[in-house]
């Protein structure tokens, strides 16, 4: 039954149109999968950040949440990469310049967000390493 329907559509539309629609549908599914992976990465990052936050809160440490921010930030940066990949897939099948422009703007915004998030993560990581080195030096001298 499935193959009969495909052959009927193929005869009615022609091979090129059929193939074009099949490629479009395939790319849409791949795009959806990539977006789902991005959402899953965000979910995992949020869950891990919450776990770290609770552990941090229970240990009654000073209110320095850099490790929590770094955990969440790493996952957000990775998820943004997946979302940009999905946007790139969308531009491959966008039929109008208006859609390409919108996708380009979204991709640019996500890329800028990712750039600044990565920069902030680097700064926080260096700050945390310096703090750990200072704490270890203080504990050795005591």
Protein backbone atom coordinates (compact mmCIF):
# COMPACT_ATOMS: atom_id res chain seq x y z
CA UNK A 1 0.00 0.00 0.00
CA UNK A 2 2.77 2.43 0.95
CA UNK A 3 4.74 1.81 -2.23
CA UNK A 4 1.61 2.08 -4.35
CA UNK A 5 0.94 5.52 -2.90
CA UNK A 6 4.52 6.59 -3.58
CA UNK A 7 4.26 5.39 -7.18
CA UNK A 8 0.95 7.22 -7.63
CA UNK A 9 2.42 10.46 -6.31
CA UNK A 10 5.50 9.93 -8.46
CA UNK A 11 3.35 9.58 -11.61
CA UNK A 12 1.19 12.59 -10.78
CA UNK A 13 3.95 14.99 -9.83
CA UNK A 14 6.95 13.78 -11.73
CA UNK A 15 10.19 12.39 -10.40
CA UNK A 16 11.85 15.76 -9.71
CA UNK A 17 8.99 17.20 -7.65
CA UNK A 18 8.63 13.96 -5.74
CA UNK A 19 12.34 13.83 -4.95
CA UNK A 20 12.33 17.50 -3.96
CA UNK A 21 9.47 16.92 -1.52
CA UNK A 22 11.16 13.81 -0.12
CA UNK A 23 14.42 15.71 0.47
CA UNK A 24 12.50 18.59 2.06
CA UNK A 25 10.66 16.20 4.39
CA UNK A 26 13.90 14.40 5.26
CA UNK A 27 15.70 17.62 6.12
CA UNK A 28 12.74 18.75 8.22
CA UNK A 29 12.95 15.51 10.22
CA UNK A 30 16.71 15.85 10.67
CA UNK A 31 16.24 19.49 11.73
CA UNK A 32 13.62 18.44 14.25
CA UNK A 33 15.99 15.79 15.60
CA UNK A 34 18.85 18.28 15.95
CA UNK A 35 16.56 20.74 17.73
CA UNK A 36 15.38 17.95 20.04
CA UNK A 37 18.99 17.09 20.88
CA UNK A 38 19.60 20.77 21.68
CA UNK A 39 16.57 20.81 23.97
CA UNK A 40 17.75 17.59 25.64
CA UNK A 41 21.20 19.10 26.23
CA UNK A 42 19.59 22.14 27.87
CA UNK A 43 17.45 19.88 30.05
CA UNK A 44 20.46 17.85 31.17
CA UNK A 45 22.39 21.05 31.92
CA UNK A 46 19.54 22.49 33.97
CA UNK A 47 19.14 19.27 35.95
CA UNK A 48 22.89 19.07 36.67
CA UNK A 49 23.01 22.75 37.61
CA UNK A 50 20.09 22.26 40.02
CA UNK A 51 21.86 19.29 41.59
CA UNK A 52 25.04 21.34 42.00
CA UNK A 53 23.05 24.26 43.38
CA UNK A 54 21.37 22.07 45.99
CA UNK A 55 24.70 20.48 46.95
CA UNK A 56 26.25 23.94 47.16
CA UNK A 57 23.38 25.23 49.30
CA UNK A 58 23.45 22.20 51.63
CA UNK A 59 27.20 22.55 52.16
CA UNK A 60 26.54 26.14 53.33
CA UNK A 61 29.37 27.45 51.23
CA UNK A 62 29.78 31.16 50.64
CA UNK A 63 27.46 32.51 47.98
CA UNK A 64 29.90 31.87 45.14
CA UNK A 65 27.91 30.01 42.54
CA UNK A 66 30.57 29.95 39.83
CA UNK A 67 30.63 26.17 39.60
CA UNK A 68 26.84 26.13 39.13
CA UNK A 69 27.06 28.85 36.47
CA UNK A 70 29.89 27.07 34.69
CA UNK A 71 27.96 23.81 34.62
CA UNK A 72 24.86 25.42 33.18
CA UNK A 73 26.83 27.66 30.84
CA UNK A 74 28.70 24.74 29.26
CA UNK A 75 25.48 22.95 28.46
CA UNK A 76 23.81 26.12 27.14
CA UNK A 77 26.76 26.78 24.84
CA UNK A 78 26.60 23.23 23.51
CA UNK A 79 22.84 23.45 23.01
CA UNK A 80 23.26 26.72 21.10
CA UNK A 81 25.63 24.93 18.74
CA UNK A 82 22.94 22.34 18.02
CA UNK A 83 20.36 25.07 17.46
CA UNK A 84 22.66 26.89 15.02
CA UNK A 85 23.13 23.56 13.21
CA UNK A 86 19.35 23.22 12.92
CA UNK A 87 19.17 26.77 11.55
CA UNK A 88 21.77 25.93 8.93
CA UNK A 89 19.70 22.92 7.88
CA UNK A 90 16.68 25.19 7.58
CA UNK A 91 18.48 27.55 5.23
CA UNK A 92 19.27 24.63 2.94
CA UNK A 93 15.58 24.08 2.24
CA UNK A 94 14.16 27.60 2.61
CA UNK A 95 12.39 28.52 -0.60
CA UNK A 96 12.11 32.30 -0.11
CA UNK A 97 14.55 35.07 0.62
CA UNK A 98 12.33 36.23 3.46
CA UNK A 99 12.64 32.86 5.21
CA UNK A 100 16.38 32.80 4.59
CA UNK A 101 16.65 36.32 6.08
CA UNK A 102 14.71 35.32 9.18
CA UNK A 103 16.78 32.18 9.63
CA UNK A 104 19.97 34.17 9.10
CA UNK A 105 18.94 36.66 11.78
CA UNK A 106 18.12 33.85 14.22
CA UNK A 107 21.42 32.10 13.46
CA UNK A 108 23.33 35.36 13.92
CA UNK A 109 21.66 36.03 17.28
CA UNK A 110 22.39 32.50 18.47
CA UNK A 111 25.98 32.73 17.29
CA UNK A 112 26.52 36.04 19.11
CA UNK A 113 24.92 34.61 22.26
CA UNK A 114 27.17 31.57 22.04
CA UNK A 115 30.26 33.73 21.52
CA UNK A 116 29.61 35.88 24.58
CA UNK A 117 28.54 32.91 26.69
CA UNK A 118 31.78 31.12 25.80
CA UNK A 119 33.81 34.23 26.65
CA UNK A 120 32.06 34.55 30.02
CA UNK A 121 32.68 30.86 30.72
CA UNK A 122 36.39 31.31 30.01
CA UNK A 123 36.57 34.29 32.38
CA UNK A 124 34.67 32.44 35.12
CA UNK A 125 36.83 29.34 34.68
CA UNK A 126 40.02 31.39 35.01
CA UNK A 127 38.61 33.20 38.04
CA UNK A 128 37.69 29.92 39.69
CA UNK A 129 41.13 28.43 38.99
CA UNK A 130 42.83 31.50 40.47
CA UNK A 131 40.61 31.27 43.55
CA UNK A 132 41.41 27.56 43.97
CA UNK A 133 45.14 28.24 43.61
CA UNK A 134 44.91 31.02 46.18
CA UNK A 135 43.01 28.78 48.59
CA UNK A 136 45.49 25.93 48.16
CA UNK A 137 48.42 28.32 48.70
CA UNK A 138 46.81 29.67 51.86
CA UNK A 139 46.16 26.17 53.20
CA UNK A 140 49.77 25.12 52.50
CA UNK A 141 51.21 28.14 54.31
CA UNK A 142 49.05 27.52 57.39
